[in-house]
Protein backbone atom coordinates (compact mmCIF):
# COMPACT_ATOMS: atom_id res chain seq x y z
CA MET A 1 136.23 56.81 -5.47
CA LEU A 2 135.94 53.07 -6.04
CA TYR A 3 139.68 52.55 -5.49
CA LEU A 4 138.92 52.69 -1.76
CA PHE A 5 137.29 49.27 -2.06
CA ASP A 6 140.36 47.59 -3.58
CA VAL A 7 141.22 46.29 -0.12
CA ILE A 8 138.28 43.87 -0.23
CA LYS A 9 138.35 42.89 -3.90
CA ASP A 10 140.14 39.61 -3.14
CA LYS A 11 137.31 38.61 -0.80
CA ILE A 12 134.61 38.82 -3.46
CA LYS A 13 136.45 36.96 -6.23
CA LEU A 14 134.90 33.60 -6.98
CA LYS A 15 137.63 31.01 -6.65
CA HIS A 16 137.44 27.27 -7.04
CA CYS A 17 138.18 25.59 -3.74
CA HIS A 18 137.16 22.48 -1.90
CA CYS A 19 133.98 22.72 0.14
CA ILE A 20 134.77 22.44 3.86
CA ASP A 21 131.84 24.44 5.27
CA ASN A 22 128.26 25.44 4.50
CA TRP A 23 126.48 28.60 3.34
CA VAL A 24 125.69 29.67 6.92
CA PHE A 25 129.39 29.49 7.78
CA LYS A 26 130.11 31.62 4.70
CA LEU A 27 127.61 34.24 5.85
CA HIS A 28 129.75 34.68 8.96
CA TYR A 29 133.27 34.85 7.59
CA ARG A 30 132.65 36.08 4.06
CA ALA A 31 129.49 38.19 3.83
CA THR A 32 129.67 39.67 7.33
CA THR A 33 133.39 40.39 7.13
CA ILE A 34 132.91 42.19 3.81
CA ILE A 35 130.01 44.22 5.26
CA TYR A 36 132.13 45.36 8.20
CA LEU A 37 135.12 46.19 5.99
CA ILE A 38 132.93 48.28 3.68
CA ALA A 39 131.50 50.07 6.73
CA THR A 40 135.03 50.76 7.98
CA ILE A 41 136.00 52.29 4.65
CA LEU A 42 132.88 54.45 4.58
CA VAL A 43 133.43 55.96 8.03
CA THR A 44 137.10 56.69 7.37
CA SER A 45 136.66 58.31 3.95
CA ARG A 46 136.04 62.03 3.58
CA GLU A 47 135.04 61.65 -0.07
CA TYR A 48 131.44 60.82 0.86
CA MET A 49 130.64 63.55 3.43
CA GLY A 50 133.50 66.06 3.62
CA GLU A 51 134.86 66.89 7.05
CA HIS A 52 133.70 64.57 9.83
CA ILE A 53 133.00 67.48 12.19
CA GLN A 54 132.66 71.26 11.78
CA CYS A 55 132.14 73.58 14.73
CA ILE A 56 130.87 77.16 14.95
CA THR A 57 132.41 79.39 17.66
CA ASP A 58 132.78 83.07 18.45
CA ILE A 59 136.59 82.90 18.17
CA LYS A 60 137.74 85.27 15.43
CA GLU A 61 141.49 84.57 15.43
CA ASN A 62 142.89 83.05 12.27
CA GLY A 63 143.63 79.32 12.49
CA PHE A 64 141.56 78.67 15.59
CA GLN A 65 138.63 77.20 13.63
CA LYS A 66 140.66 74.14 12.65
CA VAL A 67 141.97 73.85 16.21
CA VAL A 68 138.45 73.81 17.67
CA ASP A 69 137.26 71.25 15.10
CA THR A 70 140.16 68.96 15.93
CA PHE A 71 139.79 69.48 19.67
CA CYS A 72 136.07 68.67 19.68
CA PHE A 73 136.53 65.58 17.52
CA PHE A 74 139.32 64.07 19.61
CA THR A 75 137.90 64.93 23.05
CA SER A 76 134.11 64.66 22.96
CA THR A 77 130.94 66.57 22.23
CA PHE A 78 127.75 66.53 24.30
CA SER A 79 124.00 67.11 24.23
CA VAL A 80 121.87 68.73 26.94
CA VAL A 81 119.53 65.95 28.01
CA ASN A 82 116.83 68.20 29.54
CA ASP A 83 116.38 69.91 26.21
CA GLU A 84 115.81 66.87 24.03
CA ASP A 85 112.04 67.32 24.26
CA ALA A 86 111.64 70.98 23.27
CA SER A 87 107.88 70.98 23.78
CA GLY A 88 108.32 70.32 27.47
CA SER A 89 111.23 72.69 28.00
CA ASP A 90 111.10 76.01 29.83
CA LEU A 91 113.74 77.36 27.49
CA GLY A 92 111.32 77.82 24.62
CA PHE A 93 111.80 76.76 21.02
CA MET A 94 115.06 74.94 20.25
CA SER A 95 116.49 74.62 16.76
CA HIS A 96 118.09 71.20 17.41
CA PRO A 97 117.43 68.45 19.96
CA GLY A 98 119.94 68.57 22.80
CA ILE A 99 121.15 72.11 22.07
CA ALA A 100 120.66 74.63 24.89
CA PRO A 101 122.78 77.22 26.73
CA PHE A 102 125.32 75.45 28.89
CA GLY A 103 128.16 77.16 30.72
CA ILE A 104 130.16 77.21 33.94
CA GLY A 105 128.00 76.14 36.87
CA SER A 106 125.17 74.77 34.73
CA LYS A 107 123.12 72.14 36.55
CA GLN A 108 121.60 70.54 33.46
CA LYS A 109 122.32 66.91 32.78
CA ILE A 110 124.38 66.23 29.66
CA ARG A 111 125.13 63.17 27.55
CA ARG A 112 128.65 62.94 26.19
CA HIS A 113 129.30 61.49 22.73
CA MET A 114 132.67 59.80 22.41
CA TYR A 115 131.81 56.66 20.44
CA TYR A 116 132.33 58.27 17.02
CA GLN A 117 136.10 58.39 17.64
CA TRP A 118 136.18 54.60 17.93
CA VAL A 119 133.68 53.55 15.25
CA PRO A 120 136.27 52.62 12.54
CA PHE A 121 138.42 50.73 15.06
CA LEU A 122 135.43 48.77 16.38
CA LEU A 123 134.08 47.94 12.92
CA PHE A 124 137.48 46.73 11.73
CA GLY A 125 138.00 44.72 14.91
CA GLN A 126 134.59 43.07 14.53
CA ALA A 127 135.38 42.17 10.90
CA ILE A 128 138.54 40.42 12.12
CA MET A 129 136.62 38.56 14.84
CA PHE A 130 134.15 37.16 12.29
CA TYR A 131 137.00 36.03 10.04
CA LEU A 132 139.13 34.52 12.84
CA ILE A 133 136.73 31.59 13.31
CA HIS A 134 137.12 30.70 9.63
CA LEU A 135 140.92 30.79 10.02
CA LEU A 136 140.61 28.59 13.10
CA TRP A 137 138.51 26.05 11.19
CA LYS A 138 140.95 26.02 8.27
CA SER A 139 143.79 25.39 10.70
CA LEU A 140 141.91 22.56 12.44
CA GLU A 141 140.74 21.04 9.14
CA ASP A 142 144.34 21.20 7.86
CA GLY A 143 143.43 20.51 4.24
CA ARG A 144 142.17 17.00 5.04
CA MET A 145 139.27 17.20 2.59
CA ALA A 146 141.49 18.49 -0.22
CA LYS A 147 143.94 15.63 0.36
CA LEU A 148 141.16 13.05 0.31
CA VAL A 149 139.59 14.15 -2.98
CA SER A 150 142.80 15.17 -4.76
CA GLY A 151 142.90 13.78 -8.29
CA LEU A 152 139.11 13.81 -8.73
CA THR A 153 138.62 17.41 -9.85
CA HIS A 154 137.45 16.41 -13.32
CA SER A 155 136.65 12.76 -12.62
CA LYS A 156 133.20 12.96 -14.23
CA PHE A 157 134.97 13.18 -17.60
CA SER A 158 137.20 10.15 -16.88
CA VAL A 159 136.07 7.82 -19.64
CA LEU A 160 139.32 7.36 -21.58
CA GLU A 161 142.39 5.19 -21.03
CA LYS A 162 144.82 8.11 -21.21
CA GLU A 163 145.05 11.57 -19.66
CA VAL A 164 143.57 14.52 -21.53
CA GLU A 165 144.46 18.16 -20.88
CA VAL A 166 141.69 20.76 -21.28
CA ASP A 167 142.41 24.47 -20.65
CA GLY A 168 145.42 23.61 -18.53
CA GLU A 169 143.47 21.09 -16.40
CA VAL A 170 144.27 17.37 -16.53
CA VAL A 171 141.38 14.92 -16.84
CA PRO A 172 142.40 11.64 -15.14
CA THR A 173 142.05 8.27 -16.82
CA ARG A 174 139.42 5.74 -15.83
CA GLU A 175 142.03 3.69 -13.95
CA GLN A 176 143.35 6.75 -12.10
CA LYS A 177 139.82 7.59 -11.05
CA LYS A 178 139.30 4.08 -9.64
CA ASN A 179 142.60 4.29 -7.76
CA CYS A 180 141.59 7.64 -6.22
CA ILE A 181 138.23 6.23 -5.11
CA ARG A 182 139.98 3.17 -3.66
CA ARG A 183 142.41 5.42 -1.79
CA ILE A 184 139.58 7.50 -0.29
CA LYS A 185 137.73 4.34 0.78
CA THR A 186 140.84 2.87 2.40
CA SER A 187 141.59 6.10 4.20
CA PHE A 188 138.01 6.39 5.39
CA MET A 189 137.82 2.81 6.67
CA GLU A 190 141.25 2.77 8.32
CA ARG A 191 140.73 6.12 10.05
CA ILE A 192 137.08 5.60 10.89
CA SER A 193 137.70 6.37 14.56
CA LEU A 194 139.72 9.46 13.67
CA ASN A 195 136.98 10.92 11.48
CA ARG A 196 135.34 12.18 14.64
CA SER A 197 137.80 15.03 15.02
CA TRP A 198 136.84 16.53 11.63
CA SER A 199 133.14 16.78 12.42
CA ALA A 200 133.68 17.58 16.11
CA TRP A 201 135.84 20.61 15.31
CA PHE A 202 133.33 21.72 12.68
CA PHE A 203 130.50 21.64 15.24
CA PHE A 204 132.74 23.51 17.67
CA CYS A 205 133.32 26.29 15.11
CA GLU A 206 129.58 26.47 14.35
CA VAL A 207 128.90 27.04 18.04
CA LEU A 208 131.67 29.66 18.08
CA ASN A 209 129.95 31.44 15.18
CA PHE A 210 126.70 31.50 17.13
CA LEU A 211 128.39 32.79 20.30
CA ASN A 212 130.36 35.35 18.30
CA VAL A 213 127.17 36.88 16.86
CA MET A 214 125.78 37.22 20.37
CA LEU A 215 129.05 38.78 21.54
CA GLN A 216 129.14 41.32 18.69
CA ILE A 217 125.52 42.35 19.36
CA TYR A 218 126.35 42.84 23.04
CA ILE A 219 129.55 44.80 22.28
CA THR A 220 127.69 47.07 19.86
CA HIS A 221 124.90 47.60 22.40
CA LYS A 222 127.37 48.72 25.08
CA PHE A 223 129.32 50.80 22.55
CA LEU A 224 126.21 52.80 21.60
CA GLY A 225 125.23 53.53 25.18
CA ASN A 226 122.86 50.57 25.65
CA GLN A 227 120.66 51.67 22.72
CA PHE A 228 121.42 49.03 20.07
CA TYR A 229 119.05 46.24 21.19
CA THR A 230 115.96 48.34 20.44
CA LEU A 231 117.37 50.34 17.52
CA GLY A 232 115.67 48.36 14.74
CA PRO A 233 112.18 48.19 16.31
CA LYS A 234 112.30 51.91 17.16
CA VAL A 235 113.18 52.86 13.57
CA VAL A 236 110.36 50.67 12.20
CA ARG A 237 107.83 51.95 14.73
CA ASP A 238 108.76 55.63 15.11
CA GLY A 239 110.62 56.45 11.91
CA SER A 240 114.19 57.54 11.21
CA HIS A 241 113.95 60.70 13.35
CA ILE A 242 114.42 58.50 16.42
CA LEU A 243 118.05 58.08 15.32
CA GLU A 244 118.78 61.60 16.54
CA GLU A 245 118.90 60.20 20.08
CA VAL A 246 121.69 57.77 19.23
CA PHE A 247 123.42 59.62 16.38
CA PRO A 248 122.86 63.36 16.91
CA LYS A 249 123.72 65.51 13.88
CA VAL A 250 124.30 68.69 15.92
CA THR A 251 126.06 68.66 19.30
CA LYS A 252 127.81 71.07 21.64
CA CYS A 253 131.45 71.42 22.63
CA THR A 254 133.19 73.61 25.21
CA PHE A 255 136.61 75.04 24.33
CA HIS A 256 138.82 76.80 26.90
CA LYS A 257 141.61 79.22 25.99
CA TYR A 258 143.66 81.87 27.77
CA GLY A 259 142.71 85.51 27.28
CA PRO A 260 145.10 88.50 26.98
CA SER A 261 145.34 88.88 30.79
CA GLY A 262 145.87 85.17 31.40
CA SER A 263 142.31 84.42 32.51
CA ILE A 264 140.52 81.36 31.12
CA GLN A 265 137.93 82.10 28.45
CA VAL A 266 135.11 79.60 27.84
CA HIS A 267 133.85 79.30 24.27
CA ASP A 268 130.65 77.43 23.49
CA ALA A 269 130.82 75.63 20.11
CA LEU A 270 127.99 74.25 17.98
CA CYS A 271 129.27 71.19 16.10
CA VAL A 272 127.78 69.58 12.99
CA MET A 273 128.50 65.82 13.09
CA ALA A 274 128.54 64.88 9.40
CA LEU A 275 130.00 61.49 10.31
CA ASN A 276 126.76 60.48 12.02
CA ILE A 277 124.91 60.60 8.70
CA ILE A 278 126.89 57.51 7.73
CA ASN A 279 127.02 55.99 11.21
CA GLU A 280 123.26 55.86 11.61
CA LYS A 281 122.72 54.06 8.32
CA ILE A 282 125.52 51.60 9.02
CA TYR A 283 124.21 50.63 12.45
CA VAL A 284 120.58 50.36 11.37
CA PHE A 285 121.67 47.98 8.61
CA LEU A 286 123.91 46.08 11.04
CA TRP A 287 120.99 45.65 13.45
CA PHE A 288 118.88 43.88 10.84
CA TRP A 289 121.86 41.91 9.50
CA LEU A 290 123.03 40.68 12.91
CA VAL A 291 119.50 39.73 13.95
CA LEU A 292 119.10 37.75 10.70
CA LEU A 293 122.51 36.13 11.20
CA PHE A 294 121.62 35.25 14.80
CA ALA A 295 118.34 33.62 13.71
CA ILE A 296 120.03 31.63 10.92
CA SER A 297 122.79 30.53 13.31
CA CYS A 298 120.14 29.26 15.74
CA LEU A 299 118.39 27.36 12.95
CA ILE A 300 121.58 25.67 11.73
CA LEU A 301 122.28 24.41 15.26
CA VAL A 302 118.73 23.05 15.44
CA TRP A 303 119.24 21.40 12.04
CA ARG A 304 122.49 19.89 13.31
CA LEU A 305 120.62 18.40 16.27
CA VAL A 306 117.89 17.02 14.00
CA THR A 307 120.42 15.31 11.71
CA PHE A 308 122.23 13.88 14.75
CA LEU A 309 119.02 12.35 16.09
CA PHE A 310 117.55 11.05 12.82
CA PHE A 311 120.43 10.39 10.39
CA SER A 312 120.23 6.61 10.99
CA ARG A 313 116.44 6.46 11.30
CA CYS A 314 115.08 8.61 8.50
CA MET A 315 115.84 7.54 4.94
CA LEU A 316 114.06 10.65 3.65
CA LEU A 317 116.67 12.79 5.41
CA ASN A 318 119.47 10.81 3.76
CA ARG A 319 117.80 11.08 0.37
CA LEU A 320 117.74 14.84 0.88
CA VAL A 321 121.40 15.04 1.93
CA PHE A 322 122.80 12.63 -0.69
CA GLY A 323 120.15 13.26 -3.33
CA HIS A 324 122.52 14.33 -6.12
CA ALA A 325 124.41 11.01 -5.96
CA LYS A 326 121.25 8.86 -6.35
CA LEU A 327 122.49 6.19 -3.92
CA TYR A 328 121.04 2.69 -3.83
CA TYR A 329 118.74 2.14 -0.89
CA TRP A 330 120.53 -1.00 0.35
CA ASN A 331 123.97 0.67 0.31
CA LEU A 332 122.56 3.71 2.07
CA ASN A 333 120.87 1.55 4.70
CA ILE A 334 124.08 -0.36 5.46
CA VAL A 335 126.20 2.76 5.86
CA VAL A 336 123.81 4.79 8.03
CA ARG A 337 123.15 1.79 10.29
CA GLN A 338 126.82 0.94 10.87
CA CYS A 339 128.54 4.34 10.76
CA SER A 340 128.54 6.93 13.52
CA TYR A 341 127.19 10.41 12.97
CA ASN A 342 130.76 11.72 12.62
CA ASP A 343 131.45 9.31 9.76
CA TRP A 344 128.09 10.15 8.17
CA PHE A 345 128.91 13.86 8.39
CA LEU A 346 132.30 13.39 6.73
CA LEU A 347 130.65 11.40 3.94
CA LYS A 348 128.23 14.28 3.46
CA TYR A 349 131.12 16.66 2.75
CA LEU A 350 132.86 14.12 0.56
CA SER A 351 129.69 14.09 -1.54
CA LYS A 352 129.94 17.87 -1.90
CA ASN A 353 133.48 17.60 -3.24
CA MET A 354 132.93 14.73 -5.67
CA ASP A 355 130.72 14.32 -8.69
CA GLY A 356 127.66 12.12 -8.21
CA MET A 357 128.97 9.09 -10.14
CA SER A 358 132.31 8.99 -8.31
CA PHE A 359 130.67 9.37 -4.92
CA ARG A 360 128.17 6.60 -5.75
CA GLU A 361 131.09 4.27 -6.53
CA LEU A 362 132.85 5.26 -3.30
CA PHE A 363 129.68 4.77 -1.26
CA ALA A 364 129.10 1.34 -2.77
CA ASP A 365 132.68 0.27 -1.93
CA ILE A 366 132.32 1.48 1.66
CA SER A 367 128.99 -0.34 2.08
CA GLU A 368 130.56 -3.57 0.76
CA ASP A 369 133.41 -3.36 3.29
CA LEU A 370 130.99 -2.64 6.12
CA GLU A 371 128.75 -5.53 4.99
CA GLU A 372 131.71 -7.91 5.08
CA LYS A 373 132.65 -6.84 8.60
CA LYS A 374 129.12 -6.90 9.98
CA PRO A 375 126.44 -8.24 7.62
CA LEU A 376 123.08 -6.53 7.86
CA LYS A 377 120.10 -8.87 8.17
CA ARG A 378 117.82 -8.76 5.20
CA SER A 379 114.11 -8.60 5.86
CA HIS A 380 111.90 -11.10 4.04
């Protein structure tokens, strides 16, 4: 049974790569994409629930049972709306909500259920939409961070005068490490006006993530007949039985066939929707997940605004962001006072891709260059 999940095994392997985003970004393109792919596999596999739909009819001919099942699955089933509250119905006791006599000329209002045909397509499409923003960011970033920090993978072990190979990885020499740091500093200083594009596109993709969550919640709400927004609170307040309104387990289907004399015969079918056992659990989980993701996406945008407003004013914020590198206060003060937020943001991600000692050396070199160009007045 587990072979069905081979399609997503590459997404959950831990691979070493350069850090070009944050954990909130990863929740969007990694965790959420995996959740939607798993949901897609579950709703398309018969190993977990058997047949997706089975209908009971009065047709006795051999072979027609499979025909009716297929017909009802690919057209639609329905529930009789007037019957959903059996206690208030004039029809007496009903074995299932929404099940009542319904034939030609019936005036009762019905609710058709067609969404179950499209559930796997929608789930897979939503998984792609969450991952597309990551692909867009990778395309816009264009490996710039990897090019900047290339050669510093094992720089914290660079204490010798010659290269050392450990488990197939080359540890650079002390001189090579200094040259790499000098190259990063030169690139940073020469392209200081071009650094804006890196951070600007990152902010753009963060906003896209936020808007995409809102879009997926809206799409799901419309897909489930405008019942998704309140799905979570209703389950918490009223219990799981409320899910019968959105994901009915037993529905009705009308099948027409020609009789021996050529007249049309109407057959009323009672259909068991085994697929909805999985659908209801998937969408309840997705409600809580998407609400959590929406809240976290809001908070990261607020955090981005806070850092934009206070990065050059609050040393405590900078200590928090660059804490692992243990930067000298004077160097930190020079850089945050003379660099723009875009440059500061790029330095933040450089710190994530370099060991603390190497980044401290780089930061000191950058502060020296900035001090030479525009000395900072020392307070006495």
